[in-house]
Amino acid sequence: MSTVPLSRRRAIRAAGAAALGLAAGGLLAACGAGATGSVTTSAAAPTSSASVAATSASVAPTSASTSAATSAATTAATSAATTAATTAAATSSAATPAPAAAAATTSSAAAPVAHAGAVDFWQWGSGYVPGFDTLVKAYTAANPGKQVVQSNPSSYWNKVVATLASGTGPDVFLMNNVNFKQYAKNGSVADLSSYLNADKTASANIKPMLAAAQDWYQYHGKAMGVPWDYSTGVVSYNLDQFRAASLTLPADLGKQWTWNTMRDYATKLTQKQGNTETRSGIWVYNGLENGWYTFAVASGAQFFNANLDQCTISSPEATAGLEFLVSMMKDGTAAPQSYQDVALKANNSDDNGEIFTHGATSMMLDGDWMFTAYEKVKSLSWDSTIFPYAPNGKTANTSNLRGLVMNPAAKQKDQAWAWMAYLMTPDVQNQIPQLLGEVPANNDSAKTYYFDPAKGGPPAGRKTLGPDLDATTPLPASDLVAWGDISNAASKWVGKVYQFTLAPADALKQLQDEINGMISAAKAK
């Protein structure tokens, strides 16, 4: 039996379990999706991957609980941290989170040690370490006298929160779109506008970057971060099973790769013994990234309005996307929850990726972060292509748009900016597919290096992923609601739909009402 390395979805569940029961404070477990910027009332077990291979539970940088590392923190310490954080935020537009003694003393492992005279750069992915090491060596070789030290701390977001709260922490750190708005609101990241205004080369290097990422890392007209990379959502499929069914491969269908085609293929690929399903046509994930929400977006839905202060997910468009998937689950062509439970147990697995590599499903709603894992399973013959086109002729890619941000308390601000500017150069962006396995924010780099299998690596269907670039939208997030609460609520209500206990329209209405209730509570504070 082949095995797949720890995937983002498995890591999400593990971190979500670790987060349960912690003090109130915007907890989140997700791959690269961690600390959020508002006080919340529940731990969150996230429902979607957030685009890296390492995962941490976390809390808001200025939240009542001060850090996800503070499960042993007392109510008194939490209250004190909240008061201090509020004071700090009120006295400076670029205030870092207030010091939090509890977070500093209860962390499961010490934060990385600051390096005098060097730019401290933190990122969350253990798989990213070799790639960033290569970039650091190239940067320091080209800039004698300048030093950058990369750190990949365990419990990444815990340590980011704890060190920012103490007025220390990294000079530059990797950010995800689901946390960014709240970090920006709380003044936990620096305003980079003056650097971009003065650095014409860096400003020029941002222009060819993904427009959605450029827009996202603005906050109230200020550049509070810069784009770095993102991921593509894909449908992965078993070539042997497709060929045995004499089906034209999805990567060869172009615009004919539609929702109805996917349904027809799933019907033909599903296998049963009597009434018992033994292989699903497609495995549907309950998540905001590359799950039901991607179909909702392709249909024309939006989770929030343009100001991110009203949830709008209860719409005919979103309902149409969710109803399509659920209808497939009801007729057994998409793996219903009952089959998923049986298949996971039969394969001695808690991971969707292994279900695909073991042949228990012919198609998997997936992401490009699984390419390397699938490539290592030599017995697997596979390929991937974009999500199918909706009846309106559109596809979608709901992605965690990753960025680079600066600590307002950075020790080496000018040198920190120089490192950030270097990472935005076309030469570095060109290397992201090979070094990190992600999509460069630079559109030209993506087209030339990521979408070319000869340069980006397997699968061959990589060359068909171009439409993802134009269809990319950020995962839903707001400066008023913690991502963990968004994800947790979505998982809860859509989970009822997947269990056939609630109609899609009713579930989305309940989800919308719950999120808008959180928004109203945040506005009232």
Protein backbone atom coordinates (compact mmCIF):
# COMPACT_ATOMS: atom_id res chain seq x y z
CA MET A 1 0.00 0.00 0.00
CA SER A 2 1.45 3.36 -1.02
CA THR A 3 1.47 6.28 1.31
CA VAL A 4 1.25 10.00 0.81
CA PRO A 5 3.25 12.47 2.93
CA LEU A 6 1.38 14.59 5.48
CA SER A 7 -0.98 16.71 3.42
CA ARG A 8 -2.38 20.10 4.21
CA ARG A 9 -5.85 18.75 4.87
CA ARG A 10 -4.60 16.18 7.36
CA ALA A 11 -2.45 18.82 9.04
CA ILE A 12 -5.46 21.09 9.27
CA ARG A 13 -7.44 18.51 11.17
CA ALA A 14 -4.56 17.78 13.53
CA ALA A 15 -4.03 21.42 14.33
CA GLY A 16 -7.75 22.01 14.66
CA ALA A 17 -7.94 19.29 17.29
CA ALA A 18 -5.05 20.87 19.17
CA ALA A 19 -6.82 24.22 19.16
CA LEU A 20 -10.06 22.99 20.70
CA GLY A 21 -10.73 24.12 24.23
CA LEU A 22 -8.38 27.10 24.25
CA ALA A 23 -9.39 30.45 25.68
CA ALA A 24 -11.45 32.79 23.49
CA GLY A 25 -9.32 34.46 20.88
CA GLY A 26 -9.78 33.81 17.18
CA LEU A 27 -8.18 30.36 17.14
CA LEU A 28 -7.37 28.85 13.79
CA ALA A 29 -5.70 25.72 12.59
CA ALA A 30 -4.86 25.80 8.93
CA CYS A 31 -1.95 25.36 6.63
CA GLY A 32 -0.50 28.80 6.61
CA ALA A 33 -3.79 30.11 7.94
CA GLY A 34 -3.36 31.12 11.50
CA ALA A 35 -3.57 34.18 13.67
CA THR A 36 -6.46 36.44 13.00
CA GLY A 37 -7.03 39.93 14.19
CA SER A 38 -10.17 39.99 16.29
CA VAL A 39 -11.36 38.54 19.55
CA THR A 40 -13.66 35.63 18.88
CA THR A 41 -15.64 33.28 21.01
CA SER A 42 -14.75 29.83 19.81
CA ALA A 43 -11.90 27.64 18.72
CA ALA A 44 -12.00 26.91 15.02
CA ALA A 45 -11.55 23.61 13.28
CA PRO A 46 -10.95 24.87 9.75
CA THR A 47 -12.56 23.28 6.76
CA SER A 48 -10.13 24.05 3.99
CA SER A 49 -6.46 23.99 3.27
CA ALA A 50 -4.63 27.24 3.11
CA SER A 51 -1.76 26.50 0.88
CA VAL A 52 1.30 25.20 2.65
CA ALA A 53 2.49 21.91 4.06
CA ALA A 54 2.88 23.02 7.68
CA THR A 55 -0.01 23.97 9.98
CA SER A 56 -0.46 25.75 13.29
CA ALA A 57 -3.26 26.71 15.63
CA SER A 58 -3.23 30.40 16.44
CA VAL A 59 -4.93 33.49 17.76
CA ALA A 60 -5.43 37.11 16.96
CA PRO A 61 -2.36 39.30 17.36
CA THR A 62 -4.30 41.62 19.62
CA SER A 63 -6.90 39.16 20.86
CA ALA A 64 -7.99 38.42 24.37
CA SER A 65 -6.18 35.13 24.44
CA THR A 66 -2.94 36.64 23.14
CA SER A 67 -1.63 33.40 21.57
CA ALA A 68 -2.68 29.91 20.67
CA ALA A 69 0.21 28.81 22.79
CA THR A 70 -1.63 30.03 25.86
CA SER A 71 -3.88 27.13 26.71
CA ALA A 72 -2.55 27.41 30.26
CA ALA A 73 -3.07 31.17 30.41
CA THR A 74 -5.37 32.38 33.18
CA THR A 75 -8.39 34.58 32.73
CA ALA A 76 -6.58 37.39 34.48
CA ALA A 77 -3.61 37.21 32.14
CA THR A 78 -5.93 37.16 29.16
CA SER A 79 -7.81 40.22 30.35
CA ALA A 80 -4.59 42.11 30.99
CA ALA A 81 -3.27 41.29 27.55
CA THR A 82 -6.47 42.53 25.96
CA THR A 83 -6.33 45.82 27.82
CA ALA A 84 -2.69 46.35 26.92
CA ALA A 85 -3.27 45.48 23.29
CA THR A 86 -6.19 47.89 23.04
CA THR A 87 -4.10 50.68 24.54
CA ALA A 88 -1.22 50.02 22.19
CA ALA A 89 -3.47 49.99 19.14
CA ALA A 90 -5.09 53.25 20.19
CA THR A 91 -1.81 55.09 20.59
CA SER A 92 -0.19 54.22 17.28
CA SER A 93 -1.52 53.53 13.81
CA ALA A 94 1.28 51.01 13.36
CA ALA A 95 1.06 49.55 16.85
CA THR A 96 2.32 46.05 17.36
CA PRO A 97 0.34 43.77 19.64
CA ALA A 98 0.86 44.46 23.29
CA PRO A 99 3.27 42.33 25.31
CA ALA A 100 1.66 39.16 26.60
CA ALA A 101 3.51 37.48 29.42
CA ALA A 102 1.37 34.38 29.30
CA ALA A 103 2.11 33.82 25.63
CA ALA A 104 5.82 34.23 26.21
CA THR A 105 5.94 31.76 29.06
CA THR A 106 3.58 29.02 27.93
CA SER A 107 4.75 28.50 24.36
CA SER A 108 5.50 24.86 23.58
CA ALA A 109 8.90 25.83 22.18
CA ALA A 110 11.03 28.94 22.31
CA ALA A 111 10.72 31.43 19.49
CA PRO A 112 13.70 31.67 17.12
CA VAL A 113 16.51 33.85 18.45
CA ALA A 114 16.88 37.25 16.76
CA HIS A 115 20.13 37.73 14.87
CA ALA A 116 21.92 41.02 15.47
CA GLY A 117 22.49 42.95 12.26
CA ALA A 118 20.62 40.44 10.10
CA VAL A 119 17.12 40.49 8.67
CA ASP A 120 15.08 37.83 10.44
CA PHE A 121 12.71 36.21 7.94
CA TRP A 122 10.09 33.70 9.10
CA GLN A 123 8.01 31.37 6.95
CA TRP A 124 5.77 28.46 7.92
CA GLY A 125 6.51 25.66 5.45
CA SER A 126 9.09 23.02 6.28
CA GLY A 127 9.01 22.09 2.60
CA TYR A 128 9.92 25.67 1.72
CA VAL A 129 13.19 25.66 3.70
CA PRO A 130 15.55 24.43 0.92
CA GLY A 131 14.05 26.87 -1.58
CA PHE A 132 14.34 29.88 0.69
CA ASP A 133 17.86 28.80 1.66
CA THR A 134 18.76 28.99 -2.02
CA LEU A 135 17.26 32.47 -2.31
CA VAL A 136 18.97 33.69 0.86
CA LYS A 137 22.37 32.49 -0.40
CA ALA A 138 21.86 34.19 -3.75
CA TYR A 139 20.75 37.42 -2.10
CA THR A 140 23.65 37.63 0.35
CA ALA A 141 26.15 36.71 -2.38
CA ALA A 142 24.86 39.56 -4.54
CA ASN A 143 24.72 42.00 -1.63
CA PRO A 144 27.93 41.79 0.41
CA GLY A 145 27.45 42.92 3.98
CA LYS A 146 23.72 42.19 4.02
CA GLN A 147 22.50 39.19 5.96
CA VAL A 148 19.18 37.34 6.03
CA VAL A 149 18.42 34.52 8.44
CA GLN A 150 15.51 32.26 7.53
CA SER A 151 13.53 30.61 10.31
CA ASN A 152 10.81 27.96 10.03
CA PRO A 153 9.55 27.86 13.63
CA SER A 154 7.24 25.15 14.81
CA SER A 155 3.83 26.47 15.87
CA TYR A 156 4.49 29.27 13.43
CA TRP A 157 1.49 31.49 14.12
CA ASN A 158 1.77 30.99 17.86
CA LYS A 159 5.27 32.39 17.80
CA VAL A 160 4.41 35.20 15.41
CA VAL A 161 1.64 36.29 17.76
CA ALA A 162 3.71 35.92 20.93
CA THR A 163 6.77 37.77 19.60
CA LEU A 164 4.77 40.57 18.00
CA ALA A 165 2.98 40.99 21.31
CA SER A 166 6.32 41.44 23.06
CA GLY A 167 7.57 44.01 20.54
CA THR A 168 10.05 41.62 18.96
CA GLY A 169 9.59 38.94 16.31
CA PRO A 170 10.70 38.61 12.70
CA ASP A 171 11.54 41.60 10.55
CA VAL A 172 9.71 40.06 7.58
CA PHE A 173 7.28 37.14 7.64
CA LEU A 174 5.13 35.14 5.27
CA MET A 175 1.44 36.08 5.41
CA ASN A 176 -1.74 34.43 4.14
CA ASN A 177 -4.73 36.26 2.75
CA VAL A 178 -7.17 34.84 5.31
CA ASN A 179 -5.33 36.55 8.18
CA PHE A 180 -4.02 39.64 6.46
CA LYS A 181 -6.99 41.98 6.79
CA GLN A 182 -7.17 41.56 10.53
CA TYR A 183 -3.42 41.95 10.96
CA ALA A 184 -3.61 45.15 8.92
CA LYS A 185 -6.58 46.42 10.92
CA ASN A 186 -4.72 45.82 14.19
CA GLY A 187 -1.54 47.53 13.02
CA SER A 188 0.37 44.28 13.30
CA VAL A 189 2.02 44.78 9.91
CA ALA A 190 3.86 47.85 8.66
CA ASP A 191 2.68 50.32 6.03
CA LEU A 192 4.98 49.85 3.04
CA SER A 193 3.61 52.74 0.99
CA SER A 194 6.62 55.01 1.53
CA TYR A 195 9.01 52.27 0.39
CA LEU A 196 7.01 51.54 -2.74
CA ASN A 197 6.75 55.25 -3.54
CA ALA A 198 10.53 55.63 -3.28
CA ASP A 199 11.53 52.31 -4.85
CA LYS A 200 10.49 52.61 -8.48
CA THR A 201 11.97 49.23 -9.40
CA ALA A 202 9.91 47.44 -6.77
CA SER A 203 6.82 49.36 -7.81
CA ALA A 204 7.38 48.28 -11.42
CA ASN A 205 7.87 44.66 -10.32
CA ILE A 206 4.46 44.62 -8.63
CA LYS A 207 2.56 45.76 -11.73
CA PRO A 208 2.70 42.39 -13.57
CA MET A 209 1.58 40.51 -10.45
CA LEU A 210 -1.81 38.89 -10.03
CA ALA A 211 -4.33 41.73 -9.77
CA ALA A 212 -6.35 39.97 -7.07
CA ALA A 213 -3.22 39.71 -4.91
CA GLN A 214 -2.26 43.34 -5.49
CA ASP A 215 -5.71 44.44 -4.40
CA TRP A 216 -5.85 42.15 -1.38
CA TYR A 217 -2.64 43.43 0.22
CA GLN A 218 -3.96 46.98 0.23
CA TYR A 219 -5.78 48.16 3.32
CA HIS A 220 -7.62 51.47 3.36
CA GLY A 221 -5.48 52.75 0.53
CA LYS A 222 -2.18 51.67 2.08
CA ALA A 223 0.16 48.92 0.92
CA MET A 224 0.39 46.79 4.06
CA GLY A 225 2.00 43.86 2.28
CA VAL A 226 3.19 42.70 -1.13
CA PRO A 227 2.14 39.63 -3.16
CA TRP A 228 4.34 36.54 -3.14
CA ASP A 229 2.66 33.39 -4.54
CA TYR A 230 -0.52 31.30 -4.55
CA SER A 231 -1.90 27.87 -5.49
CA THR A 232 -4.15 26.47 -8.18
CA GLY A 233 -7.20 24.33 -7.58
CA VAL A 234 -7.33 21.23 -9.74
CA VAL A 235 -9.26 18.07 -10.45
CA SER A 236 -6.80 15.19 -10.26
CA TYR A 237 -7.76 11.96 -11.99
CA ASN A 238 -6.59 8.37 -12.34
CA LEU A 239 -5.36 7.79 -15.90
CA ASP A 240 -5.66 3.99 -15.76
CA GLN A 241 -9.28 4.16 -14.63
CA PHE A 242 -10.13 6.77 -17.28
CA ARG A 243 -8.55 4.73 -20.05
CA ALA A 244 -10.30 1.56 -18.89
CA ALA A 245 -13.60 3.45 -19.23
CA SER A 246 -12.57 4.79 -22.70
CA LEU A 247 -13.04 8.41 -21.61
CA THR A 248 -11.39 11.39 -23.24
CA LEU A 249 -9.06 12.87 -20.65
CA PRO A 250 -10.27 16.10 -18.99
CA ALA A 251 -7.03 17.89 -19.86
CA ASP A 252 -7.81 17.29 -23.54
CA LEU A 253 -11.37 18.64 -23.44
CA GLY A 254 -10.77 22.39 -23.23
CA LYS A 255 -14.06 24.26 -22.80
CA GLN A 256 -15.94 20.97 -23.07
CA TRP A 257 -14.71 20.13 -19.57
CA THR A 258 -17.95 21.24 -17.94
CA TRP A 259 -19.95 20.45 -14.82
CA ASN A 260 -22.16 18.09 -16.83
CA THR A 261 -19.14 16.35 -18.36
CA MET A 262 -17.64 15.84 -14.93
CA ARG A 263 -20.94 14.40 -13.71
CA ASP A 264 -21.18 12.08 -16.70
CA TYR A 265 -17.61 10.90 -16.17
CA ALA A 266 -18.18 10.36 -12.45
CA THR A 267 -21.25 8.28 -13.23
CA LYS A 268 -19.31 6.04 -15.61
CA LEU A 269 -16.35 5.69 -13.24
CA THR A 270 -18.34 4.85 -10.10
CA GLN A 271 -18.27 1.15 -9.23
CA LYS A 272 -20.68 -0.78 -7.01
CA GLN A 273 -21.25 -4.29 -5.76
CA GLY A 274 -24.99 -4.48 -5.50
CA ASN A 275 -25.98 -1.30 -3.68
CA THR A 276 -22.58 -0.92 -2.06
CA GLU A 277 -20.24 1.61 -3.61
CA THR A 278 -16.70 0.29 -4.01
CA ARG A 279 -15.17 3.18 -5.94
CA SER A 280 -16.40 6.73 -6.22
CA GLY A 281 -16.39 8.69 -9.43
CA ILE A 282 -15.23 11.84 -7.64
CA TRP A 283 -14.36 12.79 -4.06
CA VAL A 284 -15.90 16.07 -2.92
CA TYR A 285 -14.24 17.99 -0.12
CA ASN A 286 -16.19 20.10 2.37
CA GLY A 287 -14.03 23.19 2.20
CA LEU A 288 -13.81 26.77 1.08
CA GLU A 289 -10.62 26.13 -0.88
CA ASN A 290 -11.15 23.75 -3.79
CA GLY A 291 -14.42 22.39 -2.45
CA TRP A 292 -18.05 23.45 -2.75
CA TYR A 293 -17.16 27.13 -2.57
CA THR A 294 -15.18 26.95 -5.81
CA PHE A 295 -18.33 25.77 -7.60
CA ALA A 296 -20.29 28.57 -5.97
CA VAL A 297 -17.77 31.16 -7.19
CA ALA A 298 -17.75 29.71 -10.71
CA SER A 299 -21.52 30.08 -10.69
CA GLY A 300 -21.14 33.77 -9.82
CA ALA A 301 -21.35 33.84 -6.01
CA GLN A 302 -19.38 35.98 -3.57
CA PHE A 303 -18.97 35.27 0.12
CA PHE A 304 -18.70 38.96 1.13
CA ASN A 305 -19.62 42.28 -0.42
CA ALA A 306 -16.89 44.56 -1.74
CA ASN A 307 -16.35 46.20 1.66
CA LEU A 308 -16.05 42.82 3.40
CA ASP A 309 -18.63 43.95 5.95
CA GLN A 310 -21.60 41.84 4.86
CA CYS A 311 -21.82 38.13 4.09
CA THR A 312 -23.64 37.47 0.80
CA ILE A 313 -23.20 33.71 0.43
CA SER A 314 -26.93 32.99 0.54
CA SER A 315 -27.49 33.65 -3.15
CA PRO A 316 -29.02 31.72 -6.04
CA GLU A 317 -25.55 31.40 -7.57
CA ALA A 318 -24.00 29.85 -4.47
CA THR A 319 -27.01 27.59 -4.03
CA ALA A 320 -26.67 26.37 -7.61
CA GLY A 321 -23.04 25.39 -7.07
CA LEU A 322 -23.72 23.55 -3.83
CA GLU A 323 -26.85 21.85 -5.18
CA PHE A 324 -24.90 20.51 -8.15
CA LEU A 325 -22.36 18.77 -5.91
CA VAL A 326 -24.97 17.47 -3.49
CA SER A 327 -27.05 16.00 -6.31
CA MET A 328 -23.98 14.01 -7.35
CA MET A 329 -23.50 12.81 -3.78
CA LYS A 330 -27.14 11.76 -3.54
CA ASP A 331 -26.96 9.62 -6.67
CA GLY A 332 -23.64 8.15 -5.57
CA THR A 333 -21.45 9.46 -8.39
CA ALA A 334 -19.68 11.76 -5.95
CA ALA A 335 -18.57 10.07 -2.77
CA PRO A 336 -21.28 10.59 -0.13
CA GLN A 337 -20.24 10.92 3.49
CA SER A 338 -21.16 7.28 4.13
CA TYR A 339 -18.74 6.07 1.46
CA GLN A 340 -16.04 8.50 2.54
CA ASP A 341 -16.17 7.13 6.09
CA VAL A 342 -15.94 3.53 4.86
CA ALA A 343 -13.18 4.26 2.33
CA LEU A 344 -11.02 6.12 4.83
CA LYS A 345 -11.32 3.27 7.31
CA ALA A 346 -10.72 0.57 4.67
CA ASN A 347 -7.56 2.32 3.50
CA ASN A 348 -6.40 2.86 7.07
CA SER A 349 -6.23 6.54 6.26
CA ASP A 350 -7.45 9.86 7.53
CA ASP A 351 -6.26 11.65 4.43
CA ASN A 352 -8.07 12.31 1.15
CA GLY A 353 -4.82 12.18 -0.84
CA GLU A 354 -4.27 8.56 0.10
CA ILE A 355 -7.79 7.71 -1.02
CA PHE A 356 -6.81 8.91 -4.48
CA THR A 357 -3.45 7.14 -4.57
CA HIS A 358 -5.10 3.91 -3.40
CA GLY A 359 -7.60 4.04 -6.27
CA ALA A 360 -10.70 4.42 -4.10
CA THR A 361 -11.81 7.41 -6.17
CA SER A 362 -11.26 8.17 -9.85
CA MET A 363 -11.25 11.96 -9.45
CA MET A 364 -10.31 14.22 -6.57
CA LEU A 365 -11.11 17.88 -6.03
CA ASP A 366 -7.60 18.91 -5.18
CA GLY A 367 -4.84 21.49 -5.28
CA ASP A 368 -1.39 21.71 -6.81
CA TRP A 369 0.19 21.24 -3.38
CA MET A 370 -0.42 17.50 -3.88
CA PHE A 371 1.62 17.26 -7.09
CA THR A 372 4.89 16.42 -5.38
CA ALA A 373 3.22 13.80 -3.17
CA TYR A 374 1.48 12.13 -6.10
CA GLU A 375 4.67 12.16 -8.14
CA LYS A 376 6.40 10.10 -5.45
CA VAL A 377 3.81 7.30 -5.70
CA LYS A 378 5.34 5.41 -8.61
CA SER A 379 2.42 3.01 -8.93
CA LEU A 380 0.01 5.88 -9.59
CA SER A 381 -0.76 7.00 -13.13
CA TRP A 382 -2.42 10.40 -12.84
CA ASP A 383 -2.95 13.85 -14.28
CA SER A 384 -4.72 17.08 -13.28
CA THR A 385 -6.61 19.92 -14.90
CA ILE A 386 -8.69 22.91 -13.90
CA PHE A 387 -12.07 22.80 -12.19
CA PRO A 388 -14.80 22.30 -14.80
CA TYR A 389 -16.66 25.15 -16.44
CA ALA A 390 -20.01 26.12 -14.95
CA PRO A 391 -23.12 26.52 -17.14
CA ASN A 392 -22.22 30.23 -17.45
CA GLY A 393 -18.93 29.25 -19.11
CA LYS A 394 -16.72 30.20 -16.15
CA THR A 395 -14.28 28.30 -13.97
CA ALA A 396 -12.92 29.37 -10.60
CA ASN A 397 -9.85 29.09 -8.40
CA THR A 398 -10.41 29.95 -4.74
CA SER A 399 -6.90 30.37 -3.43
CA ASN A 400 -5.00 31.53 -0.37
CA LEU A 401 -3.04 34.43 -1.83
CA ARG A 402 0.22 34.53 0.09
CA GLY A 403 2.16 37.72 0.70
CA LEU A 404 5.15 39.22 2.47
CA VAL A 405 4.74 41.65 5.35
CA MET A 406 7.03 43.66 7.59
CA ASN A 407 6.91 43.84 11.38
CA PRO A 408 6.20 47.44 12.49
CA ALA A 409 8.88 46.87 15.15
CA ALA A 410 11.42 45.50 12.67
CA LYS A 411 14.97 46.09 13.81
CA GLN A 412 16.30 46.53 10.27
CA LYS A 413 13.49 48.23 8.35
CA ASP A 414 15.51 49.38 5.34
CA GLN A 415 17.32 46.06 5.07
CA ALA A 416 14.02 44.25 5.56
CA TRP A 417 12.55 46.16 2.65
CA ALA A 418 15.59 45.37 0.50
CA TRP A 419 14.98 41.65 1.11
CA MET A 420 11.28 41.99 0.29
CA ALA A 421 12.06 43.94 -2.87
CA TYR A 422 14.50 41.23 -3.93
CA LEU A 423 11.81 38.57 -3.55
CA MET A 424 9.56 40.56 -5.88
CA THR A 425 12.09 40.64 -8.72
CA PRO A 426 11.23 38.68 -11.88
CA ASP A 427 14.36 36.55 -11.46
CA VAL A 428 13.22 35.32 -8.06
CA GLN A 429 9.58 34.96 -9.12
CA ASN A 430 10.77 32.80 -12.03
CA GLN A 431 12.29 30.36 -9.53
CA ILE A 432 9.20 29.87 -7.33
CA PRO A 433 7.76 26.89 -9.28
CA GLN A 434 11.01 24.95 -9.13
CA LEU A 435 12.10 25.94 -5.62
CA LEU A 436 8.74 26.05 -3.82
CA GLY A 437 6.23 24.32 -6.08
CA GLU A 438 3.82 27.27 -6.05
CA VAL A 439 2.43 29.76 -8.57
CA PRO A 440 4.48 32.99 -8.71
CA ALA A 441 2.48 36.15 -8.09
CA ASN A 442 4.18 37.53 -11.21
CA ASN A 443 1.88 36.60 -14.10
CA ASP A 444 4.71 36.45 -16.64
CA SER A 445 6.69 34.11 -14.39
CA ALA A 446 3.63 31.91 -13.92
CA LYS A 447 2.95 31.64 -17.65
CA THR A 448 6.58 30.90 -18.51
CA TYR A 449 7.69 28.69 -15.64
CA TYR A 450 4.71 27.34 -13.69
CA PHE A 451 2.37 26.26 -16.47
CA ASP A 452 5.13 24.59 -18.50
CA PRO A 453 5.56 20.93 -17.38
CA ALA A 454 9.13 20.95 -18.70
CA LYS A 455 9.98 23.69 -16.20
CA GLY A 456 7.41 23.28 -13.43
CA GLY A 457 7.42 19.48 -13.37
CA PRO A 458 4.57 16.94 -13.50
CA PRO A 459 1.77 16.53 -14.28
CA ALA A 460 1.47 16.98 -18.03
CA GLY A 461 -1.91 18.66 -17.45
CA ARG A 462 -0.11 21.58 -15.80
CA LYS A 463 -0.15 23.23 -19.21
CA THR A 464 -3.98 23.42 -19.02
CA LEU A 465 -4.02 25.33 -15.71
CA GLY A 466 -3.72 28.77 -17.31
CA PRO A 467 -7.42 29.63 -16.88
CA ASP A 468 -6.89 29.32 -13.13
CA LEU A 469 -4.73 32.43 -13.22
CA ASP A 470 -7.49 34.64 -14.58
CA ALA A 471 -10.12 32.96 -12.40
CA THR A 472 -8.22 33.25 -9.10
CA THR A 473 -10.02 34.87 -6.20
CA PRO A 474 -8.88 35.08 -2.56
CA LEU A 475 -10.35 32.85 0.07
CA PRO A 476 -13.14 34.72 1.87
CA ALA A 477 -11.88 36.82 4.76
CA SER A 478 -12.73 40.04 6.53
CA ASP A 479 -11.17 42.42 9.01
CA LEU A 480 -14.33 42.02 11.11
CA VAL A 481 -14.54 38.23 11.40
CA ALA A 482 -11.82 35.72 12.21
CA TRP A 483 -11.07 33.29 9.41
CA GLY A 484 -11.36 30.41 11.85
CA ASP A 485 -14.95 31.39 12.62
CA ILE A 486 -15.76 31.75 8.92
CA SER A 487 -14.28 28.35 8.17
CA ASN A 488 -15.86 26.69 11.17
CA ALA A 489 -19.33 28.03 10.39
CA ALA A 490 -19.07 26.99 6.75
CA SER A 491 -17.97 23.51 7.72
CA LYS A 492 -20.86 23.15 10.16
CA TRP A 493 -23.67 24.23 7.85
CA VAL A 494 -22.38 22.66 4.63
CA GLY A 495 -21.65 19.52 6.60
CA LYS A 496 -25.39 19.22 7.25
CA VAL A 497 -25.99 19.46 3.52
CA TYR A 498 -23.44 16.73 2.85
CA GLN A 499 -25.21 14.58 5.44
CA PHE A 500 -28.52 15.22 3.62
CA THR A 501 -30.13 16.75 6.71
CA LEU A 502 -30.45 20.31 5.38
CA ALA A 503 -31.20 21.75 1.95
CA PRO A 504 -28.42 23.81 0.33
CA ALA A 505 -30.43 27.04 0.25
CA ASP A 506 -31.37 26.69 3.92
CA ALA A 507 -27.81 25.89 4.96
CA LEU A 508 -26.36 28.89 3.12
CA LYS A 509 -29.01 31.15 4.68
CA GLN A 510 -28.04 29.89 8.14
CA LEU A 511 -24.35 30.37 7.31
CA GLN A 512 -24.93 33.91 6.06
CA ASP A 513 -26.97 34.84 9.12
CA GLU A 514 -24.32 33.47 11.47
CA ILE A 515 -21.49 35.36 9.78
CA ASN A 516 -23.49 38.59 9.63
CA GLY A 517 -24.26 38.18 13.32
CA MET A 518 -20.51 38.07 13.98
CA ILE A 519 -20.04 41.17 11.84
CA SER A 520 -22.75 43.04 13.73
CA ALA A 521 -21.16 42.08 17.05
CA ALA A 522 -17.75 43.27 15.83
CA LYS A 523 -19.16 46.61 14.66
CA ALA A 524 -20.89 47.12 18.01
CA LYS A 525 -17.63 46.89 19.96
